[in-house]
Amino acid sequence: MDRVEEIETAIASLPPEEYRRLIEWPRAQDQVRWDLQMERDSAGGKLDFLFREAEEESAQGLIRDWPLT
């Protein structure tokens, strides 16, 4: 049995609460990675086009306050 099979077997035998905790862990890790990537992209200017688009649309009166009332 290789490591992945061992892990799969161990996961299959977890009680529900431990399984839930295990499932939450990669979700949290993914969120951390996403946040770091967004910070790098923003610092590197990769998102500047979004700010320009928003400024242009605001100048044209195309942007409304949120939440809409």
N, C-alpha and C. Protein backbone atom coordinates (compact mmCIF):
# COMPACT_ATOMS: atom_id res chain seq x y z
N MET A 1 0.85 -1.18 0.00
CA MET A 1 0.00 0.00 0.00
C MET A 1 0.89 1.24 0.00
N ASP A 2 0.62 2.20 -0.93
CA ASP A 2 1.42 3.42 -0.95
C ASP A 2 0.84 4.46 0.02
N ARG A 3 1.53 5.59 0.13
CA ARG A 3 1.13 6.61 1.11
C ARG A 3 -0.27 7.14 0.85
N VAL A 4 -0.62 7.34 -0.42
CA VAL A 4 -1.95 7.88 -0.72
C VAL A 4 -3.03 6.89 -0.28
N GLU A 5 -2.82 5.62 -0.54
CA GLU A 5 -3.78 4.62 -0.11
C GLU A 5 -3.89 4.57 1.42
N GLU A 6 -2.76 4.71 2.10
CA GLU A 6 -2.78 4.75 3.56
C GLU A 6 -3.59 5.94 4.06
N ILE A 7 -3.39 7.08 3.42
CA ILE A 7 -4.12 8.30 3.81
C ILE A 7 -5.61 8.12 3.54
N GLU A 8 -5.94 7.57 2.37
CA GLU A 8 -7.34 7.34 2.04
C GLU A 8 -8.00 6.40 3.05
N THR A 9 -7.32 5.36 3.44
CA THR A 9 -7.85 4.43 4.43
C THR A 9 -8.05 5.11 5.77
N ALA A 10 -7.07 5.92 6.16
CA ALA A 10 -7.18 6.64 7.44
C ALA A 10 -8.35 7.63 7.41
N ILE A 11 -8.52 8.33 6.29
CA ILE A 11 -9.62 9.29 6.17
C ILE A 11 -10.96 8.57 6.24
N ALA A 12 -11.06 7.45 5.56
CA ALA A 12 -12.32 6.70 5.54
C ALA A 12 -12.72 6.22 6.92
N SER A 13 -11.77 6.06 7.80
CA SER A 13 -12.09 5.55 9.14
C SER A 13 -12.29 6.66 10.18
N LEU A 14 -12.20 7.90 9.77
CA LEU A 14 -12.37 9.00 10.73
C LEU A 14 -13.81 9.11 11.20
N PRO A 15 -13.99 9.46 12.47
CA PRO A 15 -15.35 9.78 12.94
C PRO A 15 -15.82 11.08 12.27
N PRO A 16 -17.11 11.30 12.19
CA PRO A 16 -17.65 12.47 11.47
C PRO A 16 -17.02 13.81 11.86
N GLU A 17 -16.85 14.07 13.14
CA GLU A 17 -16.30 15.37 13.56
C GLU A 17 -14.86 15.54 13.09
N GLU A 18 -14.05 14.51 13.18
CA GLU A 18 -12.66 14.60 12.72
C GLU A 18 -12.62 14.72 11.20
N TYR A 19 -13.53 14.05 10.51
CA TYR A 19 -13.60 14.17 9.05
C TYR A 19 -13.93 15.62 8.66
N ARG A 20 -14.90 16.21 9.36
CA ARG A 20 -15.27 17.61 9.09
C ARG A 20 -14.08 18.53 9.29
N ARG A 21 -13.34 18.32 10.38
CA ARG A 21 -12.15 19.14 10.64
C ARG A 21 -11.12 18.96 9.53
N LEU A 22 -10.96 17.75 9.08
CA LEU A 22 -10.00 17.48 8.01
C LEU A 22 -10.41 18.19 6.72
N ILE A 23 -11.69 18.16 6.41
CA ILE A 23 -12.18 18.81 5.19
C ILE A 23 -11.99 20.32 5.26
N GLU A 24 -12.16 20.90 6.42
CA GLU A 24 -12.01 22.35 6.58
C GLU A 24 -10.56 22.79 6.38
N TRP A 25 -9.60 21.95 6.71
CA TRP A 25 -8.19 22.33 6.64
C TRP A 25 -7.76 22.71 5.22
N PRO A 26 -8.01 21.90 4.18
CA PRO A 26 -7.58 22.33 2.84
C PRO A 26 -8.33 23.56 2.35
N ARG A 27 -9.57 23.71 2.78
CA ARG A 27 -10.31 24.92 2.40
C ARG A 27 -9.63 26.16 2.97
N ALA A 28 -9.23 26.08 4.22
CA ALA A 28 -8.54 27.22 4.85
C ALA A 28 -7.20 27.47 4.18
N GLN A 29 -6.47 26.40 3.86
CA GLN A 29 -5.18 26.55 3.19
C GLN A 29 -5.35 27.19 1.82
N ASP A 30 -6.39 26.80 1.11
CA ASP A 30 -6.67 27.37 -0.20
C ASP A 30 -6.96 28.86 -0.09
N GLN A 31 -7.71 29.25 0.93
CA GLN A 31 -8.02 30.67 1.14
C GLN A 31 -6.77 31.47 1.42
N VAL A 32 -5.86 30.93 2.23
CA VAL A 32 -4.60 31.60 2.52
C VAL A 32 -3.79 31.79 1.23
N ARG A 33 -3.71 30.75 0.43
CA ARG A 33 -2.96 30.85 -0.84
C ARG A 33 -3.60 31.88 -1.77
N TRP A 34 -4.93 31.88 -1.83
CA TRP A 34 -5.64 32.84 -2.66
C TRP A 34 -5.33 34.27 -2.21
N ASP A 35 -5.42 34.51 -0.91
CA ASP A 35 -5.13 35.84 -0.38
C ASP A 35 -3.71 36.28 -0.70
N LEU A 36 -2.75 35.39 -0.53
CA LEU A 36 -1.36 35.72 -0.84
C LEU A 36 -1.18 36.03 -2.32
N GLN A 37 -1.83 35.25 -3.19
CA GLN A 37 -1.73 35.50 -4.62
C GLN A 37 -2.34 36.85 -4.98
N MET A 38 -3.47 37.18 -4.39
CA MET A 38 -4.10 38.48 -4.65
C MET A 38 -3.20 39.62 -4.19
N GLU A 39 -2.56 39.46 -3.03
CA GLU A 39 -1.64 40.49 -2.53
C GLU A 39 -0.47 40.65 -3.49
N ARG A 40 0.11 39.55 -3.96
CA ARG A 40 1.24 39.63 -4.91
C ARG A 40 0.80 40.28 -6.22
N ASP A 41 -0.36 39.86 -6.72
CA ASP A 41 -0.84 40.43 -7.98
C ASP A 41 -1.12 41.92 -7.84
N SER A 42 -1.70 42.30 -6.73
CA SER A 42 -1.99 43.71 -6.50
C SER A 42 -0.71 44.53 -6.38
N ALA A 43 0.24 44.03 -5.60
CA ALA A 43 1.51 44.73 -5.42
C ALA A 43 2.28 44.81 -6.73
N GLY A 44 2.11 43.83 -7.59
CA GLY A 44 2.82 43.80 -8.87
C GLY A 44 2.11 44.56 -9.97
N GLY A 45 0.97 45.18 -9.65
CA GLY A 45 0.26 45.98 -10.63
C GLY A 45 -0.65 45.19 -11.55
N LYS A 46 -0.79 43.91 -11.31
CA LYS A 46 -1.60 43.08 -12.21
C LYS A 46 -3.10 43.39 -12.12
N LEU A 47 -3.51 44.06 -11.07
CA LEU A 47 -4.93 44.37 -10.90
C LEU A 47 -5.24 45.84 -11.18
N ASP A 48 -4.24 46.59 -11.58
CA ASP A 48 -4.44 48.02 -11.83
C ASP A 48 -5.51 48.28 -12.88
N PHE A 49 -5.64 47.39 -13.87
CA PHE A 49 -6.64 47.59 -14.90
C PHE A 49 -8.05 47.63 -14.30
N LEU A 50 -8.27 46.90 -13.21
CA LEU A 50 -9.58 46.91 -12.56
C LEU A 50 -9.88 48.27 -11.95
N PHE A 51 -8.87 48.89 -11.35
CA PHE A 51 -9.06 50.22 -10.79
C PHE A 51 -9.33 51.24 -11.89
N ARG A 52 -8.60 51.12 -13.00
CA ARG A 52 -8.82 52.04 -14.13
C ARG A 52 -10.24 51.89 -14.68
N GLU A 53 -10.68 50.64 -14.84
CA GLU A 53 -12.03 50.40 -15.34
C GLU A 53 -13.08 51.00 -14.40
N ALA A 54 -12.89 50.81 -13.11
CA ALA A 54 -13.84 51.34 -12.13
C ALA A 54 -13.85 52.86 -12.16
N GLU A 55 -12.69 53.49 -12.27
CA GLU A 55 -12.62 54.95 -12.34
C GLU A 55 -13.31 55.47 -13.60
N GLU A 56 -13.10 54.79 -14.72
CA GLU A 56 -13.74 55.20 -15.97
C GLU A 56 -15.26 55.06 -15.88
N GLU A 57 -15.71 53.94 -15.35
CA GLU A 57 -17.15 53.72 -15.22
C GLU A 57 -17.77 54.68 -14.22
N SER A 58 -17.05 55.01 -13.17
CA SER A 58 -17.55 55.98 -12.20
C SER A 58 -17.67 57.35 -12.85
N ALA A 59 -16.67 57.73 -13.63
CA ALA A 59 -16.70 59.03 -14.31
C ALA A 59 -17.87 59.11 -15.29
N GLN A 60 -18.29 57.97 -15.84
CA GLN A 60 -19.41 57.93 -16.78
C GLN A 60 -20.75 57.79 -16.06
N GLY A 61 -20.72 57.70 -14.73
CA GLY A 61 -21.94 57.55 -13.96
C GLY A 61 -22.54 56.16 -14.01
N LEU A 62 -21.73 55.17 -14.31
CA LEU A 62 -22.22 53.80 -14.46
C LEU A 62 -22.15 52.98 -13.17
N ILE A 63 -21.56 53.54 -12.14
CA ILE A 63 -21.42 52.80 -10.89
C ILE A 63 -22.37 53.36 -9.87
N ARG A 64 -23.08 52.44 -9.19
CA ARG A 64 -24.02 52.84 -8.15
C ARG A 64 -23.49 52.37 -6.81
N ASP A 65 -23.93 53.03 -5.75
CA ASP A 65 -23.55 52.62 -4.40
C ASP A 65 -24.12 51.23 -4.12
N TRP A 66 -23.41 50.49 -3.30
CA TRP A 66 -23.85 49.17 -2.91
C TRP A 66 -23.97 49.12 -1.41
N PRO A 67 -24.91 48.53 -0.82
CA PRO A 67 -26.02 47.83 -1.47
C PRO A 67 -27.04 48.80 -2.01
N LEU A 68 -27.69 48.37 -3.04
CA LEU A 68 -28.73 49.21 -3.66
C LEU A 68 -29.91 49.29 -2.72
N THR A 69 -30.49 50.45 -2.66
CA THR A 69 -31.66 50.62 -1.77
C THR A 69 -32.90 50.88 -2.57
